[in-house]
Amino acid sequence: MRAGGNYALLVPTELDRALAFEERLRARCAERIVPFRFGRAYFNDSHPRVWYLNELVVEAKDVDPGELAAEAELLHTDAGQAHRRCYVPDEAVGARLERFFGRIGWRVEQEVVMAYRGGGVRSANTSSVEEVAREDVLPLREEISRGEPWGTDEDVVAEIMDANRLWEAAGSARYFTVRAEGAPVAAADLYSDGRIAQVEAVVTLPTHRSLGYASAVVLRAADEAQAAGHDLVFLGADAGDWPKELYARLGFEEIGRTWSFLRTPARVALT
């Protein structure tokens, strides 16, 4: 910086860094990136039914909602996909689009981005958590998937598991689990680029919920990230669901929100 110059040093916020981390994973998993008027569309033609690998990411601040919906219709149709999805990382932009997309029948979702501060409730027994290989937790994740509305279709379950593998590889994933009678019943992943870490894919079998297992795997993953020197550890949670309250008790603090707008196929819904 020039001495005496009237310049401002722009330091990325924690939210900026968390969203940039996710953007890098998205780009690594994309087979095609298509610029459009309001941002970029990411497509993975090998997994066309997996929403998070096939979506429009809105980067512009001035967005006409009708034109955005038309862009989604055109781009997803050209890609031969049945769903339509727009992801909006800017909270204010998403808030301006919410009413329109809700009125035309799209699913409106808001996610809370939370950074780990520590100092939360530590009653969960993290000593029961094991770090394992992906193959150890795959049967658990398949069983959880079969409990979803689309889970009766084994081809869809297999496609999602393979899509998850791509995302996990892009994030150099580590896997943490709690076992009961020798089998994994709860799990969480930890993604990392060496400086930023994300706790993701937290699941527990319905038969083993309310036993503190989710808290245990989340805290173990966060502890491992901090021990490895990451200066930002974050996760995302549905703004309308209860897990965000659990994460707050564990020491996570909200740092921002993002939006997504989704029109699902008539019969099959993939997350």
Protein backbone atom coordinates (compact mmCIF):
# COMPACT_ATOMS: atom_id res chain seq x y z
CA MET A 1 0.00 0.00 0.00
CA ARG A 2 1.37 3.47 -0.92
CA ALA A 3 2.17 5.59 2.12
CA GLY A 4 -0.56 8.16 2.63
CA GLY A 5 -2.77 6.63 -0.07
CA ASN A 6 -6.51 6.47 0.44
CA TYR A 7 -6.89 2.73 0.09
CA ALA A 8 -8.88 0.17 2.04
CA LEU A 9 -7.47 -3.30 2.59
CA LEU A 10 -10.24 -5.75 1.80
CA VAL A 11 -9.96 -8.68 4.18
CA PRO A 12 -12.24 -11.63 3.41
CA THR A 13 -14.77 -12.34 6.14
CA GLU A 14 -15.25 -15.81 7.59
CA LEU A 15 -18.37 -16.13 5.47
CA ASP A 16 -16.44 -15.13 2.34
CA ARG A 17 -13.85 -17.79 3.08
CA ALA A 18 -16.40 -20.50 3.84
CA LEU A 19 -18.32 -19.83 0.62
CA ALA A 20 -15.10 -19.72 -1.40
CA PHE A 21 -14.13 -23.10 0.07
CA GLU A 22 -17.41 -24.61 -1.08
CA GLU A 23 -17.04 -22.95 -4.48
CA ARG A 24 -13.67 -24.63 -4.98
CA LEU A 25 -15.20 -28.04 -4.23
CA ARG A 26 -18.07 -27.31 -6.63
CA ALA A 27 -15.65 -26.41 -9.41
CA ARG A 28 -13.55 -29.54 -8.85
CA CYS A 29 -16.64 -31.73 -9.19
CA ALA A 30 -17.98 -30.02 -12.30
CA GLU A 31 -17.56 -31.55 -15.73
CA ARG A 32 -18.82 -28.35 -17.36
CA ILE A 33 -19.03 -24.74 -16.17
CA VAL A 34 -21.31 -22.56 -18.29
CA PRO A 35 -21.34 -18.76 -17.82
CA PHE A 36 -24.77 -17.15 -17.95
CA ARG A 37 -26.15 -13.69 -17.39
CA PHE A 38 -26.22 -13.79 -13.59
CA GLY A 39 -23.33 -16.13 -12.80
CA ARG A 40 -22.15 -19.62 -13.69
CA ALA A 41 -23.91 -22.94 -14.11
CA TYR A 42 -22.15 -26.09 -12.91
CA PHE A 43 -22.95 -29.42 -14.50
CA ASN A 44 -21.82 -32.97 -13.91
CA ASP A 45 -23.30 -34.94 -16.78
CA SER A 46 -22.26 -38.25 -15.23
CA HIS A 47 -24.63 -37.57 -12.30
CA PRO A 48 -27.51 -35.64 -13.90
CA ARG A 49 -30.06 -36.34 -11.16
CA VAL A 50 -27.92 -35.06 -8.28
CA TRP A 51 -29.01 -31.52 -7.56
CA TYR A 52 -25.94 -30.15 -5.81
CA LEU A 53 -23.71 -31.14 -8.76
CA ASN A 54 -26.05 -29.51 -11.28
CA GLU A 55 -27.12 -25.98 -10.41
CA LEU A 56 -26.95 -22.34 -11.36
CA VAL A 57 -24.85 -20.25 -8.96
CA VAL A 58 -25.97 -16.63 -8.85
CA GLU A 59 -23.07 -14.18 -8.54
CA ALA A 60 -24.74 -10.93 -9.66
CA LYS A 61 -26.27 -8.46 -7.22
CA ASP A 62 -28.96 -7.13 -9.58
CA VAL A 63 -31.04 -10.14 -10.57
CA ASP A 64 -34.43 -10.25 -12.27
CA PRO A 65 -36.17 -13.33 -10.79
CA GLY A 66 -38.21 -14.09 -13.89
CA GLU A 67 -35.14 -13.96 -16.10
CA LEU A 68 -33.24 -16.16 -13.65
CA ALA A 69 -36.02 -18.76 -13.75
CA ALA A 70 -35.94 -18.63 -17.55
CA GLU A 71 -32.16 -19.15 -17.56
CA ALA A 72 -32.58 -22.17 -15.30
CA GLU A 73 -35.24 -23.59 -17.60
CA LEU A 74 -33.02 -23.16 -20.65
CA LEU A 75 -29.76 -24.43 -19.15
CA HIS A 76 -31.19 -27.44 -17.35
CA THR A 77 -33.26 -28.37 -20.41
CA ASP A 78 -30.17 -28.18 -22.62
CA ALA A 79 -28.43 -30.46 -20.12
CA GLY A 80 -31.28 -32.96 -20.36
CA GLN A 81 -32.16 -32.62 -16.67
CA ALA A 82 -35.59 -32.78 -15.05
CA HIS A 83 -34.87 -30.55 -12.05
CA ARG A 84 -34.14 -26.80 -11.88
CA ARG A 85 -31.92 -25.38 -9.15
CA CYS A 86 -30.53 -21.90 -8.39
CA TYR A 87 -28.07 -21.38 -5.53
CA VAL A 88 -27.67 -17.84 -4.18
CA PRO A 89 -24.75 -17.32 -1.77
CA ASP A 90 -25.61 -13.65 -1.14
CA GLU A 91 -28.24 -13.49 1.61
CA ALA A 92 -29.67 -10.12 0.54
CA VAL A 93 -30.01 -11.17 -3.10
CA GLY A 94 -31.69 -14.41 -2.06
CA ALA A 95 -34.14 -12.56 0.17
CA ARG A 96 -35.22 -10.41 -2.79
CA LEU A 97 -35.81 -13.52 -4.92
CA GLU A 98 -37.62 -15.59 -2.29
CA ARG A 99 -41.13 -14.30 -2.85
CA PHE A 100 -41.07 -14.80 -6.62
CA PHE A 101 -39.78 -18.37 -6.52
CA GLY A 102 -42.16 -19.29 -3.74
CA ARG A 103 -45.12 -17.96 -5.72
CA ILE A 104 -44.24 -19.97 -8.84
CA GLY A 105 -44.09 -23.17 -6.81
CA TRP A 106 -40.35 -23.71 -6.37
CA ARG A 107 -39.01 -25.04 -3.09
CA VAL A 108 -37.35 -22.24 -1.14
CA GLU A 109 -34.53 -23.23 1.22
CA GLN A 110 -32.30 -21.14 3.44
CA GLU A 111 -29.10 -22.45 5.00
CA VAL A 112 -27.31 -21.08 8.04
CA VAL A 113 -23.51 -21.00 7.82
CA MET A 114 -21.96 -21.48 11.27
CA ALA A 115 -18.34 -21.15 12.45
CA TYR A 116 -16.94 -23.14 15.34
CA ARG A 117 -15.98 -21.04 18.37
CA GLY A 118 -15.61 -23.79 20.96
CA GLY A 119 -16.77 -23.35 24.50
CA GLY A 120 -20.06 -25.13 23.94
CA VAL A 121 -21.61 -28.10 25.69
CA ARG A 122 -19.11 -30.97 25.96
CA SER A 123 -21.32 -33.67 27.45
CA ALA A 124 -21.01 -35.84 24.32
CA ASN A 125 -18.50 -38.67 24.64
CA THR A 126 -16.05 -37.95 21.82
CA SER A 127 -13.82 -40.80 23.00
CA SER A 128 -16.38 -43.18 21.51
CA VAL A 129 -15.80 -41.69 18.06
CA GLU A 130 -13.51 -43.50 15.63
CA GLU A 131 -11.81 -42.15 12.53
CA VAL A 132 -12.45 -44.70 9.80
CA ALA A 133 -12.24 -45.28 6.05
CA ARG A 134 -15.01 -44.29 3.67
CA GLU A 135 -15.96 -47.93 3.14
CA ASP A 136 -16.75 -48.27 6.84
CA VAL A 137 -19.49 -45.62 6.80
CA LEU A 138 -20.82 -46.26 3.30
CA PRO A 139 -23.40 -48.87 4.42
CA LEU A 140 -24.73 -46.40 7.00
CA ARG A 141 -25.08 -43.65 4.41
CA GLU A 142 -26.80 -46.03 2.01
CA GLU A 143 -29.28 -47.02 4.73
CA ILE A 144 -30.00 -43.38 5.55
CA SER A 145 -30.54 -42.68 1.83
CA ARG A 146 -33.03 -45.53 1.53
CA GLY A 147 -35.12 -43.79 4.18
CA GLU A 148 -35.59 -40.75 1.94
CA PRO A 149 -38.63 -40.40 -0.36
CA TRP A 150 -36.51 -41.29 -3.40
CA GLY A 151 -34.68 -44.12 -1.59
CA THR A 152 -36.77 -46.92 -3.06
CA ASP A 153 -34.85 -46.47 -6.33
CA GLU A 154 -31.53 -48.28 -5.92
CA ASP A 155 -30.12 -46.63 -9.04
CA VAL A 156 -30.72 -43.23 -7.48
CA VAL A 157 -29.09 -44.28 -4.21
CA ALA A 158 -26.05 -45.55 -6.12
CA GLU A 159 -25.83 -42.31 -8.12
CA ILE A 160 -25.88 -40.20 -4.97
CA MET A 161 -23.25 -42.33 -3.25
CA ASP A 162 -20.98 -41.97 -6.28
CA ALA A 163 -21.61 -38.21 -6.42
CA ASN A 164 -20.74 -37.95 -2.74
CA ARG A 165 -17.49 -39.78 -3.46
CA LEU A 166 -16.51 -37.02 -5.92
CA TRP A 167 -17.26 -34.25 -3.42
CA GLU A 168 -15.44 -36.07 -0.63
CA ALA A 169 -12.36 -36.56 -2.80
CA ALA A 170 -12.38 -32.88 -3.74
CA GLY A 171 -12.43 -31.99 -0.04
CA SER A 172 -9.81 -34.55 1.08
CA ALA A 173 -12.47 -36.01 3.38
CA ARG A 174 -11.89 -37.67 6.71
CA TYR A 175 -14.62 -39.83 8.23
CA PHE A 176 -15.75 -40.12 11.85
CA THR A 177 -18.25 -42.57 13.27
CA VAL A 178 -19.80 -44.03 16.42
CA ARG A 179 -20.49 -47.75 16.44
CA ALA A 180 -23.14 -49.78 18.23
CA GLU A 181 -22.73 -53.55 18.32
CA GLY A 182 -19.86 -53.16 15.87
CA ALA A 183 -21.77 -51.26 13.17
CA PRO A 184 -21.62 -47.50 12.45
CA VAL A 185 -24.79 -45.74 13.62
CA ALA A 186 -23.72 -42.09 13.36
CA ALA A 187 -21.17 -40.31 11.18
CA ALA A 188 -19.77 -36.98 10.06
CA ASP A 189 -17.28 -36.02 7.36
CA LEU A 190 -14.54 -33.40 7.60
CA TYR A 191 -13.38 -31.60 4.47
CA SER A 192 -10.19 -29.54 4.39
CA ASP A 193 -7.87 -27.45 2.26
CA GLY A 194 -5.27 -27.16 5.02
CA ARG A 195 -6.54 -23.79 6.31
CA ILE A 196 -10.33 -24.09 6.22
CA ALA A 197 -12.32 -27.14 7.32
CA GLN A 198 -15.98 -28.02 6.89
CA VAL A 199 -17.97 -30.49 8.98
CA GLU A 200 -20.51 -32.08 6.69
CA ALA A 201 -22.88 -35.00 6.13
CA VAL A 202 -23.87 -35.49 9.78
CA VAL A 203 -26.21 -38.49 10.04
CA THR A 204 -27.58 -40.84 12.70
CA LEU A 205 -29.74 -43.91 12.27
CA PRO A 206 -33.30 -43.20 13.46
CA THR A 207 -33.03 -46.06 15.98
CA HIS A 208 -30.01 -44.42 17.64
CA ARG A 209 -31.03 -40.77 17.81
CA SER A 210 -31.22 -38.66 20.99
CA LEU A 211 -28.22 -40.52 22.45
CA GLY A 212 -25.64 -37.79 21.83
CA TYR A 213 -23.99 -39.54 18.88
CA ALA A 214 -24.43 -36.65 16.43
CA SER A 215 -22.92 -34.25 18.97
CA ALA A 216 -20.00 -36.61 19.49
CA VAL A 217 -19.06 -36.97 15.82
CA VAL A 218 -19.45 -33.23 15.16
CA LEU A 219 -17.28 -32.26 18.13
CA ARG A 220 -14.64 -34.86 17.26
CA ALA A 221 -14.44 -33.58 13.68
CA ALA A 222 -14.21 -29.95 14.86
CA ASP A 223 -11.55 -30.83 17.44
CA GLU A 224 -9.51 -32.69 14.83
CA ALA A 225 -9.72 -29.70 12.48
CA GLN A 226 -8.51 -27.28 15.13
CA ALA A 227 -5.74 -29.64 16.22
CA ALA A 228 -4.55 -29.75 12.61
CA GLY A 229 -4.21 -25.95 12.57
CA HIS A 230 -7.30 -24.86 10.61
CA ASP A 231 -8.19 -21.27 11.48
CA LEU A 232 -11.78 -21.60 10.28
CA VAL A 233 -14.04 -24.58 10.94
CA PHE A 234 -17.61 -24.28 9.70
CA LEU A 235 -20.74 -26.18 8.78
CA GLY A 236 -24.09 -25.51 7.15
CA ALA A 237 -27.53 -26.23 8.57
CA ASP A 238 -31.11 -25.88 7.36
CA ALA A 239 -32.39 -22.57 8.73
CA GLY A 240 -35.83 -24.10 9.28
CA ASP A 241 -34.77 -27.27 11.08
CA TRP A 242 -33.65 -28.12 14.62
CA PRO A 243 -29.99 -29.20 14.07
CA LYS A 244 -28.84 -25.58 13.94
CA GLU A 245 -29.87 -25.26 17.58
CA LEU A 246 -27.82 -28.32 18.45
CA TYR A 247 -24.78 -26.92 16.65
CA ALA A 248 -25.17 -23.62 18.51
CA ARG A 249 -25.09 -25.48 21.83
CA LEU A 250 -21.93 -27.26 20.69
CA GLY A 251 -20.14 -23.96 20.10
CA PHE A 252 -21.00 -23.00 16.50
CA GLU A 253 -22.04 -19.41 15.76
CA GLU A 254 -24.02 -18.15 12.78
CA ILE A 255 -21.91 -16.08 10.37
CA GLY A 256 -24.32 -15.80 7.44
CA ARG A 257 -27.05 -17.38 5.34
CA THR A 258 -27.46 -18.62 1.80
CA TRP A 259 -30.48 -19.45 -0.34
CA SER A 260 -31.42 -22.08 -2.87
CA PHE A 261 -34.48 -22.35 -5.10
CA LEU A 262 -35.46 -25.75 -6.46
CA ARG A 263 -38.06 -27.12 -8.82
CA THR A 264 -38.09 -30.87 -8.38
CA PRO A 265 -38.93 -33.49 -10.98
CA ALA A 266 -42.44 -34.88 -10.75
CA ARG A 267 -41.47 -38.21 -9.20
CA VAL A 268 -37.84 -38.20 -8.04
CA ALA A 269 -36.16 -35.84 -5.61
CA LEU A 270 -32.44 -35.91 -4.89
CA THR A 271 -30.56 -33.71 -2.48
